[in-house]
Amino acid sequence: MKQLFDDKAASYDAWYQTGAGRYVDRVEKEAIWAYLEPRAGMTVLDVGCGTGNYTLELARAGLKATGVDISSGMLAIAKAKAVAEGLAVEFIQADAVKLPFPDNCFDAVISVSALEFLPDLAAALRECYRVVKPGGRLVVGVIGRDSAWGRYYSAKAGRDPGSVFSRARLYTLDELMDAMPGGQIKARAVLFTPPDFDYTNEQLAREVESAAGRAGRTDGGFICAVAFK
C-alpha cells in the first residue's frame, strides 16, 4: 500500500485543480468542519493526511495540526507545502493502525478518504479514538459505496488493477456508523452530484445537494461521522 501511494504522490494534487475536484473538496470540507467545529489552538491529528490538504488547512486556521501517513512520497509533498507557506505542521510517517502517540493526547482526530484503504476499518477507528482526549472527538469521512461516486471508483478499479481504488473497500453510511467507536455518534451523507456532472454550474450542484439533504438521502458520494469521547 505504501508503494502504491508513493507512486501516485506526484500527481495526487492535480485532482483538486479540476472543476469536479474543487467542488468535491469544498462539499467534503464543509461536512468535516461542521462535525469538527475547529477553533484556534485546538490540537488535531490528521490520519492518512496524504499531501496535507486538511492538515495545512487546519494550520492556516490557527490549529496545532499533526499529520500522519504511511507514504513517504505523500509526506514529502506535504512537508514542502508547509515550508513554502511557513506553517508549523508536524508530519510523521506512521501506520494508521499503530499510531506513535500515547492515549488521550489530541483534542480531535480526523481522517478523510483514507481508512477505506485499510483492511480493518473498525480496528483503525479504535486506534484513532484511543488518542483522542476525553471530551474530544473523532471525525471520519470516506467514500460512500451506495453512490454514483462509489460505482465510479469501483468501475475504475475494475478497469485498472494498478489504481489505488483496486485496494479500497467502500462502505455504506450504516456500516460506517456501526464501526465507529464510542457511544455518541452522528453521521450524514453529502456529495449527491455524480462524477459526470457539469461542475461549471455550481448553483445547480448546490441545489442538487440541498434537495438531497432535505430528503434525508444516505447515498451520497461522501459519508462522514463523528464520535464523541
C-alpha atoms as a PDB file:
ATOM      1  CA  MET A   1       0.000   0.000   0.000  1.00  0.00           C
ATOM      2  CA  LYS A   2       2.842   2.397   0.831  1.00  0.00           C
ATOM      3  CA  GLN A   3       4.415   1.930  -2.609  1.00  0.00           C
ATOM      4  CA  LEU A   4       1.059   2.343  -4.328  1.00  0.00           C
ATOM      5  CA  PHE A   5       0.546   5.787  -2.800  1.00  0.00           C
ATOM      6  CA  ASP A   6       4.209   6.747  -3.209  1.00  0.00           C
ATOM      7  CA  ASP A   7       3.788   6.138  -6.941  1.00  0.00           C
ATOM      8  CA  LYS A   8       0.711   8.418  -7.056  1.00  0.00           C
ATOM      9  CA  ALA A   9       2.141  11.226  -4.900  1.00  0.00           C
ATOM     10  CA  ALA A  10       3.427  13.490  -7.666  1.00  0.00           C
ATOM     11  CA  SER A  11       0.092  13.594  -9.495  1.00  0.00           C
ATOM     12  CA  TYR A  12      -2.232  13.438  -6.473  1.00  0.00           C
ATOM     13  CA  ASP A  13      -2.902  17.173  -6.078  1.00  0.00           C
ATOM     14  CA  ALA A  14      -3.852  17.629  -9.749  1.00  0.00           C
ATOM     15  CA  TRP A  15      -7.366  16.382  -8.893  1.00  0.00           C
ATOM     16  CA  TYR A  16      -8.002  19.468  -6.769  1.00  0.00           C
ATOM     17  CA  GLN A  17      -7.323  21.726  -9.744  1.00  0.00           C
ATOM     18  CA  THR A  18     -10.230  20.308 -11.757  1.00  0.00           C
ATOM     19  CA  GLY A  19     -13.758  21.691 -11.584  1.00  0.00           C
ATOM     20  CA  ALA A  20     -15.056  18.494 -10.009  1.00  0.00           C
ATOM     21  CA  GLY A  21     -12.138  18.325  -7.600  1.00  0.00           C
ATOM     22  CA  ARG A  22     -12.598  21.879  -6.350  1.00  0.00           C
ATOM     23  CA  TYR A  23     -16.317  21.380  -5.799  1.00  0.00           C
ATOM     24  CA  VAL A  24     -15.977  17.984  -4.128  1.00  0.00           C
ATOM     25  CA  ASP A  25     -13.265  19.325  -1.831  1.00  0.00           C
ATOM     26  CA  ARG A  26     -15.497  22.206  -0.702  1.00  0.00           C
ATOM     27  CA  VAL A  27     -18.505  19.974  -0.034  1.00  0.00           C
ATOM     28  CA  GLU A  28     -16.449  17.431   1.885  1.00  0.00           C
ATOM     29  CA  LYS A  29     -14.666  20.066   3.955  1.00  0.00           C
ATOM     30  CA  GLU A  30     -17.955  21.720   4.886  1.00  0.00           C
ATOM     31  CA  ALA A  31     -19.186  18.382   6.252  1.00  0.00           C
ATOM     32  CA  ILE A  32     -15.954  17.633   8.132  1.00  0.00           C
ATOM     33  CA  TRP A  33     -15.689  21.146   9.629  1.00  0.00           C
ATOM     34  CA  ALA A  34     -19.311  21.004  10.789  1.00  0.00           C
ATOM     35  CA  TYR A  35     -18.526  17.923  12.877  1.00  0.00           C
ATOM     36  CA  LEU A  36     -15.037  19.031  13.929  1.00  0.00           C
ATOM     37  CA  GLU A  37     -16.002  22.567  14.992  1.00  0.00           C
ATOM     38  CA  PRO A  38     -12.372  23.758  14.726  1.00  0.00           C
ATOM     39  CA  ARG A  39     -11.082  26.518  16.969  1.00  0.00           C
ATOM     40  CA  ALA A  40      -7.708  28.228  17.232  1.00  0.00           C
ATOM     41  CA  GLY A  41      -5.243  26.405  19.467  1.00  0.00           C
ATOM     42  CA  MET A  42      -7.029  23.057  19.152  1.00  0.00           C
ATOM     43  CA  THR A  43      -4.695  20.055  18.738  1.00  0.00           C
ATOM     44  CA  VAL A  44      -5.760  17.873  15.812  1.00  0.00           C
ATOM     45  CA  LEU A  45      -4.256  14.712  14.325  1.00  0.00           C
ATOM     46  CA  ASP A  46      -4.937  14.056  10.637  1.00  0.00           C
ATOM     47  CA  VAL A  47      -4.673  10.303   9.985  1.00  0.00           C
ATOM     48  CA  GLY A  48      -3.890   9.408   6.384  1.00  0.00           C
ATOM     49  CA  CYS A  49      -3.059  13.035   5.663  1.00  0.00           C
ATOM     50  CA  GLY A  50      -1.655  12.429   2.174  1.00  0.00           C
ATOM     51  CA  THR A  51      -0.210  15.615   0.713  1.00  0.00           C
ATOM     52  CA  GLY A  52      -1.588  17.687   3.584  1.00  0.00           C
ATOM     53  CA  ASN A  53      -4.879  19.008   2.212  1.00  0.00           C
ATOM     54  CA  TYR A  54      -6.688  19.016   5.563  1.00  0.00           C
ATOM     55  CA  THR A  55      -3.619  19.296   7.788  1.00  0.00           C
ATOM     56  CA  LEU A  56      -2.481  22.524   6.171  1.00  0.00           C
ATOM     57  CA  GLU A  57      -5.993  23.964   6.170  1.00  0.00           C
ATOM     58  CA  LEU A  58      -6.173  23.361   9.934  1.00  0.00           C
ATOM     59  CA  ALA A  59      -2.798  25.036  10.465  1.00  0.00           C
ATOM     60  CA  ARG A  60      -3.877  28.059   8.413  1.00  0.00           C
ATOM     61  CA  ALA A  61      -6.840  28.444  10.770  1.00  0.00           C
ATOM     62  CA  GLY A  62      -4.563  28.554  13.820  1.00  0.00           C
ATOM     63  CA  LEU A  63      -4.931  24.955  14.994  1.00  0.00           C
ATOM     64  CA  LYS A  64      -1.985  22.812  16.103  1.00  0.00           C
ATOM     65  CA  ALA A  65      -2.048  20.194  13.382  1.00  0.00           C
ATOM     66  CA  THR A  66      -0.128  16.948  13.055  1.00  0.00           C
ATOM     67  CA  GLY A  67      -0.359  14.711  10.003  1.00  0.00           C
ATOM     68  CA  VAL A  68       0.489  11.027   9.722  1.00  0.00           C
ATOM     69  CA  ASP A  69       0.628   8.898   6.598  1.00  0.00           C
ATOM     70  CA  ILE A  70       2.258   5.644   5.559  1.00  0.00           C
ATOM     71  CA  SER A  71       3.508   7.135   2.281  1.00  0.00           C
ATOM     72  CA  SER A  72       6.856   8.919   2.400  1.00  0.00           C
ATOM     73  CA  GLY A  73       6.179  10.328  -1.070  1.00  0.00           C
ATOM     74  CA  MET A  74       2.927  11.953   0.031  1.00  0.00           C
ATOM     75  CA  LEU A  75       4.560  13.297   3.191  1.00  0.00           C
ATOM     76  CA  ALA A  76       7.453  14.840   1.265  1.00  0.00           C
ATOM     77  CA  ILE A  77       4.988  16.933  -0.738  1.00  0.00           C
ATOM     78  CA  ALA A  78       3.016  17.867   2.401  1.00  0.00           C
ATOM     79  CA  LYS A  79       6.193  18.995   4.163  1.00  0.00           C
ATOM     80  CA  ALA A  80       7.315  21.054   1.169  1.00  0.00           C
ATOM     81  CA  LYS A  81       3.961  22.841   1.045  1.00  0.00           C
ATOM     82  CA  ALA A  82       4.110  23.587   4.784  1.00  0.00           C
ATOM     83  CA  VAL A  83       7.598  25.050   4.442  1.00  0.00           C
ATOM     84  CA  ALA A  84       6.554  27.160   1.449  1.00  0.00           C
ATOM     85  CA  GLU A  85       3.700  28.654   3.480  1.00  0.00           C
ATOM     86  CA  GLY A  86       5.689  28.995   6.692  1.00  0.00           C
ATOM     87  CA  LEU A  87       3.270  26.747   8.571  1.00  0.00           C
ATOM     88  CA  ALA A  88       4.376  24.931  11.722  1.00  0.00           C
ATOM     89  CA  VAL A  89       2.977  21.478  10.980  1.00  0.00           C
ATOM     90  CA  GLU A  90       4.470  18.174  12.094  1.00  0.00           C
ATOM     91  CA  PHE A  91       4.286  15.351   9.566  1.00  0.00           C
ATOM     92  CA  ILE A  92       5.136  11.815  10.677  1.00  0.00           C
ATOM     93  CA  GLN A  93       5.369   8.588   8.721  1.00  0.00           C
ATOM     94  CA  ALA A  94       3.232   6.051  10.573  1.00  0.00           C
ATOM     95  CA  ASP A  95       0.683   3.280  10.169  1.00  0.00           C
ATOM     96  CA  ALA A  96      -2.907   4.266  10.977  1.00  0.00           C
ATOM     97  CA  VAL A  97      -3.405   1.082  12.990  1.00  0.00           C
ATOM     98  CA  LYS A  98      -0.291   1.708  15.103  1.00  0.00           C
ATOM     99  CA  LEU A  99      -0.145   5.417  15.852  1.00  0.00           C
ATOM    100  CA  PRO A 100       3.049   6.580  17.633  1.00  0.00           C
ATOM    101  CA  PHE A 101       1.204   8.568  20.301  1.00  0.00           C
ATOM    102  CA  PRO A 102       0.063   7.895  23.872  1.00  0.00           C
ATOM    103  CA  ASP A 103      -3.578   7.575  24.851  1.00  0.00           C
ATOM    104  CA  ASN A 104      -5.739  10.694  25.166  1.00  0.00           C
ATOM    105  CA  CYS A 105      -3.366  13.261  23.630  1.00  0.00           C
ATOM    106  CA  PHE A 106      -5.316  15.164  20.903  1.00  0.00           C
ATOM    107  CA  ASP A 107      -8.372  17.378  21.171  1.00  0.00           C
ATOM    108  CA  ALA A 108      -9.593  15.770  17.956  1.00  0.00           C
ATOM    109  CA  VAL A 109      -8.595  13.254  15.318  1.00  0.00           C
ATOM    110  CA  ILE A 110      -9.749  13.436  11.720  1.00  0.00           C
ATOM    111  CA  SER A 111      -9.340  11.020   8.840  1.00  0.00           C
ATOM    112  CA  VAL A 112     -10.629  11.806   5.367  1.00  0.00           C
ATOM    113  CA  SER A 113     -10.686   9.438   2.383  1.00  0.00           C
ATOM    114  CA  ALA A 114      -8.019   7.219   3.920  1.00  0.00           C
ATOM    115  CA  LEU A 115      -9.448   4.458   6.097  1.00  0.00           C
ATOM    116  CA  GLU A 116     -11.254   2.774   3.194  1.00  0.00           C
ATOM    117  CA  PHE A 117      -7.783   1.681   2.048  1.00  0.00           C
ATOM    118  CA  LEU A 118      -7.130  -0.325   5.224  1.00  0.00           C
ATOM    119  CA  PRO A 119      -8.154  -3.969   5.701  1.00  0.00           C
ATOM    120  CA  ASP A 120      -9.919  -3.452   9.055  1.00  0.00           C
ATOM    121  CA  LEU A 121     -11.949  -0.236   9.365  1.00  0.00           C
ATOM    122  CA  ALA A 122     -13.113  -0.898  12.924  1.00  0.00           C
ATOM    123  CA  ALA A 123      -9.555  -1.539  14.169  1.00  0.00           C
ATOM    124  CA  ALA A 124      -8.288   1.668  12.566  1.00  0.00           C
ATOM    125  CA  LEU A 125     -11.154   3.660  14.082  1.00  0.00           C
ATOM    126  CA  ARG A 126     -10.437   2.236  17.543  1.00  0.00           C
ATOM    127  CA  GLU A 127      -6.787   3.238  17.213  1.00  0.00           C
ATOM    128  CA  CYS A 128      -7.751   6.770  16.154  1.00  0.00           C
ATOM    129  CA  TYR A 129     -10.213   7.015  19.040  1.00  0.00           C
ATOM    130  CA  ARG A 130      -7.533   5.848  21.501  1.00  0.00           C
ATOM    131  CA  VAL A 131      -5.502   9.034  21.060  1.00  0.00           C
ATOM    132  CA  VAL A 132      -8.494  11.393  21.431  1.00  0.00           C
ATOM    133  CA  LYS A 133      -8.697  13.199  24.772  1.00  0.00           C
ATOM    134  CA  PRO A 134     -11.793  12.737  26.941  1.00  0.00           C
ATOM    135  CA  GLY A 135     -14.210  15.441  25.805  1.00  0.00           C
ATOM    136  CA  GLY A 136     -12.695  15.352  22.317  1.00  0.00           C
ATOM    137  CA  ARG A 137     -13.972  13.890  19.098  1.00  0.00           C
ATOM    138  CA  LEU A 138     -13.111  11.624  16.174  1.00  0.00           C
ATOM    139  CA  VAL A 139     -14.306  12.817  12.752  1.00  0.00           C
ATOM    140  CA  VAL A 140     -14.114  10.454   9.791  1.00  0.00           C
ATOM    141  CA  GLY A 141     -15.066  10.741   6.134  1.00  0.00           C
ATOM    142  CA  VAL A 142     -14.885   8.000   3.489  1.00  0.00           C
ATOM    143  CA  ILE A 143     -16.223   7.324   0.001  1.00  0.00           C
ATOM    144  CA  GLY A 144     -19.833   6.147   0.089  1.00  0.00           C
ATOM    145  CA  ARG A 145     -20.318   2.770  -1.589  1.00  0.00           C
ATOM    146  CA  ASP A 146     -24.006   3.220  -2.445  1.00  0.00           C
ATOM    147  CA  SER A 147     -23.451   6.268  -4.621  1.00  0.00           C
ATOM    148  CA  ALA A 148     -22.589   7.352  -8.133  1.00  0.00           C
ATOM    149  CA  TRP A 149     -19.066   8.069  -6.901  1.00  0.00           C
ATOM    150  CA  GLY A 150     -18.756   4.649  -5.280  1.00  0.00           C
ATOM    151  CA  ARG A 151     -19.790   2.968  -8.529  1.00  0.00           C
ATOM    152  CA  TYR A 152     -17.403   5.198 -10.473  1.00  0.00           C
ATOM    153  CA  TYR A 153     -14.409   4.243  -8.339  1.00  0.00           C
ATOM    154  CA  SER A 154     -15.345   0.557  -8.329  1.00  0.00           C
ATOM    155  CA  ALA A 155     -15.526   0.590 -12.125  1.00  0.00           C
ATOM    156  CA  LYS A 156     -12.185   2.390 -12.268  1.00  0.00           C
ATOM    157  CA  ALA A 157     -10.636  -0.307 -10.094  1.00  0.00           C
ATOM    158  CA  GLY A 158     -12.063  -2.975 -12.396  1.00  0.00           C
ATOM    159  CA  ARG A 159     -10.530  -1.352 -15.456  1.00  0.00           C
ATOM    160  CA  ASP A 160      -7.152  -0.615 -13.874  1.00  0.00           C
ATOM    161  CA  PRO A 161      -5.668  -3.104 -11.378  1.00  0.00           C
ATOM    162  CA  GLY A 162      -2.937  -0.550 -10.668  1.00  0.00           C
ATOM    163  CA  SER A 163      -5.442   2.023  -9.421  1.00  0.00           C
ATOM    164  CA  VAL A 164      -5.396   2.815  -5.701  1.00  0.00           C
ATOM    165  CA  PHE A 165      -9.111   2.041  -5.742  1.00  0.00           C
ATOM    166  CA  SER A 166      -8.364  -1.582  -6.538  1.00  0.00           C
ATOM    167  CA  ARG A 167      -7.236  -1.771  -2.905  1.00  0.00           C
ATOM    168  CA  ALA A 168     -10.194   0.103  -1.440  1.00  0.00           C
ATOM    169  CA  ARG A 169     -13.160  -1.253   0.477  1.00  0.00           C
ATOM    170  CA  LEU A 170     -16.102   1.124   0.352  1.00  0.00           C
ATOM    171  CA  TYR A 171     -18.834   1.403   2.986  1.00  0.00           C
ATOM    172  CA  THR A 172     -22.422   2.484   3.409  1.00  0.00           C
ATOM    173  CA  LEU A 173     -23.414   5.110   5.944  1.00  0.00           C
ATOM    174  CA  ASP A 174     -24.854   2.426   8.242  1.00  0.00           C
ATOM    175  CA  GLU A 175     -21.649   0.403   8.047  1.00  0.00           C
ATOM    176  CA  LEU A 176     -19.549   3.423   8.952  1.00  0.00           C
ATOM    177  CA  MET A 177     -21.795   4.203  11.921  1.00  0.00           C
ATOM    178  CA  ASP A 178     -21.619   0.597  13.123  1.00  0.00           C
ATOM    179  CA  ALA A 179     -17.813   0.676  13.014  1.00  0.00           C
ATOM    180  CA  MET A 180     -17.440   3.967  14.894  1.00  0.00           C
ATOM    181  CA  PRO A 181     -16.229   3.622  18.491  1.00  0.00           C
ATOM    182  CA  GLY A 182     -17.798   5.479  21.419  1.00  0.00           C
ATOM    183  CA  GLY A 183     -21.368   5.949  22.474  1.00  0.00           C
ATOM    184  CA  GLN A 184     -22.273   9.324  20.959  1.00  0.00           C
ATOM    185  CA  ILE A 185     -22.228   9.099  17.179  1.00  0.00           C
ATOM    186  CA  LYS A 186     -23.669  11.308  14.457  1.00  0.00           C
ATOM    187  CA  ALA A 187     -23.384  10.666  10.729  1.00  0.00           C
ATOM    188  CA  ARG A 188     -24.507  12.049   7.408  1.00  0.00           C
ATOM    189  CA  ALA A 189     -24.021  11.701   3.669  1.00  0.00           C
ATOM    190  CA  VAL A 190     -23.122  14.508   1.251  1.00  0.00           C
ATOM    191  CA  LEU A 191     -21.993  14.836  -2.376  1.00  0.00           C
ATOM    192  CA  PHE A 192     -25.027  13.821  -4.393  1.00  0.00           C
ATOM    193  CA  THR A 193     -23.841  15.142  -7.755  1.00  0.00           C
ATOM    194  CA  PRO A 194     -22.311  12.370  -9.915  1.00  0.00           C
ATOM    195  CA  PRO A 195     -18.775  12.371 -11.355  1.00  0.00           C
ATOM    196  CA  ASP A 196     -20.029  13.373 -14.828  1.00  0.00           C
ATOM    197  CA  PHE A 197     -21.982  16.392 -13.535  1.00  0.00           C
ATOM    198  CA  ASP A 198     -21.315  19.780 -15.130  1.00  0.00           C
ATOM    199  CA  TYR A 199     -19.340  21.335 -12.284  1.00  0.00           C
ATOM    200  CA  THR A 200     -19.145  24.684 -14.046  1.00  0.00           C
ATOM    201  CA  ASN A 201     -22.764  25.111 -12.875  1.00  0.00           C
ATOM    202  CA  GLU A 202     -22.112  25.317  -9.152  1.00  0.00           C
ATOM    203  CA  GLN A 203     -25.528  26.824  -8.414  1.00  0.00           C
ATOM    204  CA  LEU A 204     -27.245  23.742  -9.816  1.00  0.00           C
ATOM    205  CA  ALA A 205     -24.826  21.485  -7.960  1.00  0.00           C
ATOM    206  CA  ARG A 206     -25.718  23.219  -4.697  1.00  0.00           C
ATOM    207  CA  GLU A 207     -29.427  22.879  -5.470  1.00  0.00           C
ATOM    208  CA  VAL A 208     -28.985  19.122  -6.005  1.00  0.00           C
ATOM    209  CA  GLU A 209     -27.066  18.918  -2.725  1.00  0.00           C
ATOM    210  CA  SER A 210     -29.685  20.856  -0.777  1.00  0.00           C
ATOM    211  CA  ALA A 211     -32.578  18.816  -2.163  1.00  0.00           C
ATOM    212  CA  ALA A 212     -30.848  15.547  -1.266  1.00  0.00           C
ATOM    213  CA  GLY A 213     -30.166  16.787   2.248  1.00  0.00           C
ATOM    214  CA  ARG A 214     -33.794  17.809   2.763  1.00  0.00           C
ATOM    215  CA  ALA A 215     -34.904  14.380   1.541  1.00  0.00           C
ATOM    216  CA  GLY A 216     -32.649  12.669   4.089  1.00  0.00           C
ATOM    217  CA  ARG A 217     -30.792  10.674   1.461  1.00  0.00           C
ATOM    218  CA  THR A 218     -27.908   8.473   2.621  1.00  0.00           C
ATOM    219  CA  ASP A 219     -26.498   7.522  -0.795  1.00  0.00           C
ATOM    220  CA  GLY A 220     -24.011  10.368  -1.073  1.00  0.00           C
ATOM    221  CA  GLY A 221     -20.546  10.005  -2.530  1.00  0.00           C
ATOM    222  CA  PHE A 222     -19.008  11.063   0.775  1.00  0.00           C
ATOM    223  CA  ILE A 223     -20.151   9.733   4.142  1.00  0.00           C
ATOM    224  CA  CYS A 224     -18.896  11.173   7.393  1.00  0.00           C
ATOM    225  CA  ALA A 225     -19.350  10.529  11.092  1.00  0.00           C
ATOM    226  CA  VAL A 226     -18.319  11.955  14.447  1.00  0.00           C
ATOM    227  CA  ALA A 227     -17.804  10.079  17.708  1.00  0.00           C
ATOM    228  CA  PHE A 228     -17.501  11.992  20.965  1.00  0.00           C
ATOM    229  CA  LYS A 229     -15.311  10.743  23.806  1.00  0.00           C
END
